[in-house]
Amino acid sequence: MEQDIPEYYLVDRRVLPEVFIKVMEVKQRLNTGESVSVNEAVRKTGLSRSAYYKYKDSVMPFYEATSGKKVTLLITVENFQGILSSIITIIADSHANILTINQNIPINGLADISISIETVSMFGTVDDIMKDIAKLAGVRKCEILSRE
C-alpha cells in the first residue's frame, strides 16, 4: 500500500488511548468557541501542544472521516408557516454551508425536507444541529439520509 493514501478504521472510543480522546476534546473546544486558541484548549484539556499537532489531522469523529464532509438530512415537518426558515437559521448559525434544499408538497399535513450541508467550517457537530432542529415545534423526525 502507498504511504500517502490514508487508511481509516472505525474504532470504539472506549479502546482508544487517552491522547486521542484529548485531541478530540481540544478540537471540540475550538469548534464550539469554548476555547479561543489552541494554547487555551490544550491547557484546559491537559494535553501538550506537540501531541495535539502530531495527531490533529489523523483523529476525527466519524462524520468528519470522509473527504467531502457532506451530510444530507431528512426532516419530516408539519405544514407550519416559517418552519423551513427556522431550520435554515439553525444550520446557518452553526456555520455549515447549505448545498441543496428540497421540500416536498405537504401530504396529510406533513412534508419531507432534504437538506445537504457541507461540514468543513461548521461549529459543533451534525448531531448538535439535528438536536436543535428536533426541538422545533412541528418537526416530527430528523435523521441523516447520507454522508459523503
C-alpha atoms as a PDB file:
ATOM      1  CA  MET A   1       0.000   0.000   0.000  1.00  0.00           C
ATOM      2  CA  GLU A   2       1.183   3.505  -0.825  1.00  0.00           C
ATOM      3  CA  GLN A   3       2.286   5.673   2.152  1.00  0.00           C
ATOM      4  CA  ASP A   4       0.440   8.854   1.070  1.00  0.00           C
ATOM      5  CA  ILE A   5      -3.038   7.313   0.962  1.00  0.00           C
ATOM      6  CA  PRO A   6      -4.686   7.316   4.400  1.00  0.00           C
ATOM      7  CA  GLU A   7      -6.443   4.178   5.583  1.00  0.00           C
ATOM      8  CA  TYR A   8      -9.286   4.649   8.071  1.00  0.00           C
ATOM      9  CA  TYR A   9     -10.673   2.377  10.759  1.00  0.00           C
ATOM     10  CA  LEU A  10     -13.835   2.753  12.772  1.00  0.00           C
ATOM     11  CA  VAL A  11     -12.851   2.248  16.423  1.00  0.00           C
ATOM     12  CA  ASP A  12     -14.915   2.470  19.611  1.00  0.00           C
ATOM     13  CA  ARG A  13     -13.649   5.429  21.640  1.00  0.00           C
ATOM     14  CA  ARG A  14     -13.521   3.276  24.789  1.00  0.00           C
ATOM     15  CA  VAL A  15     -10.475   1.426  23.427  1.00  0.00           C
ATOM     16  CA  LEU A  16      -8.585   4.483  22.164  1.00  0.00           C
ATOM     17  CA  PRO A  17      -5.509   5.759  24.019  1.00  0.00           C
ATOM     18  CA  GLU A  18      -6.265   8.807  26.166  1.00  0.00           C
ATOM     19  CA  VAL A  19      -4.203  11.096  23.907  1.00  0.00           C
ATOM     20  CA  PHE A  20      -6.676  10.593  21.024  1.00  0.00           C
ATOM     21  CA  ILE A  21      -9.659  11.373  23.266  1.00  0.00           C
ATOM     22  CA  LYS A  22      -7.928  14.544  24.460  1.00  0.00           C
ATOM     23  CA  VAL A  23      -7.162  15.614  20.868  1.00  0.00           C
ATOM     24  CA  MET A  24     -10.892  15.323  20.147  1.00  0.00           C
ATOM     25  CA  GLU A  25     -11.692  17.352  23.278  1.00  0.00           C
ATOM     26  CA  VAL A  26      -9.332  20.104  22.108  1.00  0.00           C
ATOM     27  CA  LYS A  27     -10.953  20.131  18.656  1.00  0.00           C
ATOM     28  CA  GLN A  28     -14.418  20.284  20.249  1.00  0.00           C
ATOM     29  CA  ARG A  29     -13.394  23.234  22.451  1.00  0.00           C
ATOM     30  CA  LEU A  30     -12.073  25.078  19.405  1.00  0.00           C
ATOM     31  CA  ASN A  31     -15.124  24.262  17.236  1.00  0.00           C
ATOM     32  CA  THR A  32     -17.637  25.382  19.833  1.00  0.00           C
ATOM     33  CA  GLY A  33     -15.734  28.528  20.796  1.00  0.00           C
ATOM     34  CA  GLU A  34     -15.270  27.307  24.367  1.00  0.00           C
ATOM     35  CA  SER A  35     -11.565  27.983  23.854  1.00  0.00           C
ATOM     36  CA  VAL A  36     -10.326  30.763  21.605  1.00  0.00           C
ATOM     37  CA  SER A  37      -6.845  29.369  20.971  1.00  0.00           C
ATOM     38  CA  VAL A  38      -5.044  26.049  20.771  1.00  0.00           C
ATOM     39  CA  ASN A  39      -2.929  27.072  23.768  1.00  0.00           C
ATOM     40  CA  GLU A  40      -6.019  27.632  25.903  1.00  0.00           C
ATOM     41  CA  ALA A  41      -7.723  24.438  24.706  1.00  0.00           C
ATOM     42  CA  VAL A  42      -4.736  22.151  25.355  1.00  0.00           C
ATOM     43  CA  ARG A  43      -4.166  23.741  28.765  1.00  0.00           C
ATOM     44  CA  LYS A  44      -7.800  23.124  29.787  1.00  0.00           C
ATOM     45  CA  THR A  45      -7.686  19.579  28.429  1.00  0.00           C
ATOM     46  CA  GLY A  46      -4.319  18.627  29.921  1.00  0.00           C
ATOM     47  CA  LEU A  47      -2.729  17.772  26.578  1.00  0.00           C
ATOM     48  CA  SER A  48       0.616  19.003  25.260  1.00  0.00           C
ATOM     49  CA  ARG A  49       0.624  21.231  22.183  1.00  0.00           C
ATOM     50  CA  SER A  50       3.034  18.861  20.453  1.00  0.00           C
ATOM     51  CA  ALA A  51       0.692  15.876  20.971  1.00  0.00           C
ATOM     52  CA  TYR A  52      -2.231  17.906  19.650  1.00  0.00           C
ATOM     53  CA  TYR A  53      -0.358  18.983  16.500  1.00  0.00           C
ATOM     54  CA  LYS A  54       1.015  15.464  15.990  1.00  0.00           C
ATOM     55  CA  TYR A  55      -2.461  13.858  15.891  1.00  0.00           C
ATOM     56  CA  LYS A  56      -4.916  16.648  14.995  1.00  0.00           C
ATOM     57  CA  ASP A  57      -5.160  15.703  11.305  1.00  0.00           C
ATOM     58  CA  SER A  58      -5.367  11.967  11.976  1.00  0.00           C
ATOM     59  CA  VAL A  59      -8.031  11.808  14.695  1.00  0.00           C
ATOM     60  CA  MET A  60     -11.561  12.894  13.851  1.00  0.00           C
ATOM     61  CA  PRO A  61     -15.151  11.965  14.606  1.00  0.00           C
ATOM     62  CA  PHE A  62     -16.856   9.535  12.255  1.00  0.00           C
ATOM     63  CA  TYR A  63     -18.898  12.217  10.475  1.00  0.00           C
ATOM     64  CA  GLU A  64     -15.678  14.045   9.504  1.00  0.00           C
ATOM     65  CA  ALA A  65     -13.757  10.997   8.336  1.00  0.00           C
ATOM     66  CA  THR A  66     -14.701  11.304   4.689  1.00  0.00           C
ATOM     67  CA  SER A  67     -13.095  13.653   2.199  1.00  0.00           C
ATOM     68  CA  GLY A  68     -16.218  15.542   1.083  1.00  0.00           C
ATOM     69  CA  LYS A  69     -17.669  16.179   4.528  1.00  0.00           C
ATOM     70  CA  LYS A  70     -21.158  16.429   3.080  1.00  0.00           C
ATOM     71  CA  VAL A  71     -24.231  15.306   5.004  1.00  0.00           C
ATOM     72  CA  THR A  72     -27.834  15.111   3.819  1.00  0.00           C
ATOM     73  CA  LEU A  73     -30.528  15.460   6.468  1.00  0.00           C
ATOM     74  CA  LEU A  74     -34.068  14.214   6.013  1.00  0.00           C
ATOM     75  CA  ILE A  75     -36.570  16.164   8.088  1.00  0.00           C
ATOM     76  CA  THR A  76     -40.303  15.461   8.317  1.00  0.00           C
ATOM     77  CA  VAL A  77     -42.292  18.529   9.366  1.00  0.00           C
ATOM     78  CA  GLU A  78     -45.859  19.585   9.933  1.00  0.00           C
ATOM     79  CA  ASN A  79     -47.143  22.157   7.460  1.00  0.00           C
ATOM     80  CA  PHE A  80     -46.365  25.251   9.591  1.00  0.00           C
ATOM     81  CA  GLN A  81     -45.590  28.642   8.109  1.00  0.00           C
ATOM     82  CA  GLY A  82     -41.933  29.546   8.689  1.00  0.00           C
ATOM     83  CA  ILE A  83     -40.719  26.112   9.757  1.00  0.00           C
ATOM     84  CA  LEU A  84     -38.246  25.829   6.866  1.00  0.00           C
ATOM     85  CA  SER A  85     -36.889  29.268   7.715  1.00  0.00           C
ATOM     86  CA  SER A  86     -36.306  28.171  11.330  1.00  0.00           C
ATOM     87  CA  ILE A  87     -34.449  25.062  10.165  1.00  0.00           C
ATOM     88  CA  ILE A  88     -32.266  27.103   7.804  1.00  0.00           C
ATOM     89  CA  THR A  89     -31.467  29.537  10.625  1.00  0.00           C
ATOM     90  CA  ILE A  90     -30.246  26.704  12.871  1.00  0.00           C
ATOM     91  CA  ILE A  91     -27.986  25.409  10.105  1.00  0.00           C
ATOM     92  CA  ALA A  92     -26.713  28.899   9.262  1.00  0.00           C
ATOM     93  CA  ASP A  93     -25.970  29.622  12.929  1.00  0.00           C
ATOM     94  CA  SER A  94     -23.715  26.547  13.015  1.00  0.00           C
ATOM     95  CA  HIS A  95     -21.783  27.913  10.002  1.00  0.00           C
ATOM     96  CA  ALA A  96     -22.490  24.783   7.970  1.00  0.00           C
ATOM     97  CA  ASN A  97     -22.720  25.507   4.264  1.00  0.00           C
ATOM     98  CA  ILE A  98     -26.113  24.642   2.761  1.00  0.00           C
ATOM     99  CA  LEU A  99     -25.637  22.978  -0.622  1.00  0.00           C
ATOM    100  CA  THR A 100     -29.209  21.970  -1.544  1.00  0.00           C
ATOM    101  CA  ILE A 101     -32.731  22.197  -0.141  1.00  0.00           C
ATOM    102  CA  ASN A 102     -35.659  20.158  -1.406  1.00  0.00           C
ATOM    103  CA  GLN A 103     -39.115  20.353   0.158  1.00  0.00           C
ATOM    104  CA  ASN A 104     -41.921  18.091  -0.994  1.00  0.00           C
ATOM    105  CA  ILE A 105     -45.547  19.201  -1.159  1.00  0.00           C
ATOM    106  CA  PRO A 106     -47.312  18.510   2.147  1.00  0.00           C
ATOM    107  CA  ILE A 107     -49.491  15.404   2.134  1.00  0.00           C
ATOM    108  CA  ASN A 108     -51.879  14.903   5.056  1.00  0.00           C
ATOM    109  CA  GLY A 109     -50.278  17.891   6.767  1.00  0.00           C
ATOM    110  CA  LEU A 110     -46.689  16.540   6.617  1.00  0.00           C
ATOM    111  CA  ALA A 111     -43.823  17.411   4.286  1.00  0.00           C
ATOM    112  CA  ASP A 112     -40.365  15.924   3.843  1.00  0.00           C
ATOM    113  CA  ILE A 113     -37.401  18.259   3.547  1.00  0.00           C
ATOM    114  CA  SER A 114     -33.949  17.128   2.479  1.00  0.00           C
ATOM    115  CA  ILE A 115     -31.074  19.487   3.130  1.00  0.00           C
ATOM    116  CA  SER A 116     -27.497  18.774   2.090  1.00  0.00           C
ATOM    117  CA  ILE A 117     -24.801  20.583   4.044  1.00  0.00           C
ATOM    118  CA  GLU A 118     -21.047  20.827   3.968  1.00  0.00           C
ATOM    119  CA  THR A 119     -19.495  20.492   7.431  1.00  0.00           C
ATOM    120  CA  VAL A 120     -15.961  21.751   6.781  1.00  0.00           C
ATOM    121  CA  SER A 121     -16.236  25.108   8.589  1.00  0.00           C
ATOM    122  CA  MET A 122     -19.084  24.153  10.915  1.00  0.00           C
ATOM    123  CA  PHE A 123     -19.160  24.906  14.641  1.00  0.00           C
ATOM    124  CA  GLY A 124     -20.237  21.926  16.734  1.00  0.00           C
ATOM    125  CA  THR A 125     -21.407  18.638  15.233  1.00  0.00           C
ATOM    126  CA  VAL A 126     -24.112  17.363  12.918  1.00  0.00           C
ATOM    127  CA  ASP A 127     -25.703  15.781  15.993  1.00  0.00           C
ATOM    128  CA  ASP A 128     -25.944  19.242  17.594  1.00  0.00           C
ATOM    129  CA  ILE A 129     -27.772  20.563  14.524  1.00  0.00           C
ATOM    130  CA  MET A 130     -30.133  17.594  14.495  1.00  0.00           C
ATOM    131  CA  LYS A 131     -30.958  18.015  18.198  1.00  0.00           C
ATOM    132  CA  ASP A 132     -31.697  21.722  17.702  1.00  0.00           C
ATOM    133  CA  ILE A 133     -33.902  21.013  14.670  1.00  0.00           C
ATOM    134  CA  ALA A 134     -35.748  18.237  16.541  1.00  0.00           C
ATOM    135  CA  LYS A 135     -36.645  20.757  19.289  1.00  0.00           C
ATOM    136  CA  LEU A 136     -38.573  22.960  16.842  1.00  0.00           C
ATOM    137  CA  ALA A 137     -42.350  22.867  17.105  1.00  0.00           C
ATOM    138  CA  GLY A 138     -43.724  20.920  14.162  1.00  0.00           C
ATOM    139  CA  VAL A 139     -40.651  18.790  13.470  1.00  0.00           C
ATOM    140  CA  ARG A 140     -41.694  15.147  13.541  1.00  0.00           C
ATOM    141  CA  LYS A 141     -38.420  13.487  12.517  1.00  0.00           C
ATOM    142  CA  CYS A 142     -34.839  14.474  11.747  1.00  0.00           C
ATOM    143  CA  GLU A 143     -32.314  11.903  10.547  1.00  0.00           C
ATOM    144  CA  ILE A 144     -29.196  11.547   8.453  1.00  0.00           C
ATOM    145  CA  LEU A 145     -30.022  10.354   4.976  1.00  0.00           C
ATOM    146  CA  SER A 146     -26.444  10.147   3.711  1.00  0.00           C
ATOM    147  CA  ARG A 147     -22.838  11.067   4.438  1.00  0.00           C
ATOM    148  CA  GLU A 148     -20.211  11.637   1.794  1.00  0.00           C
END
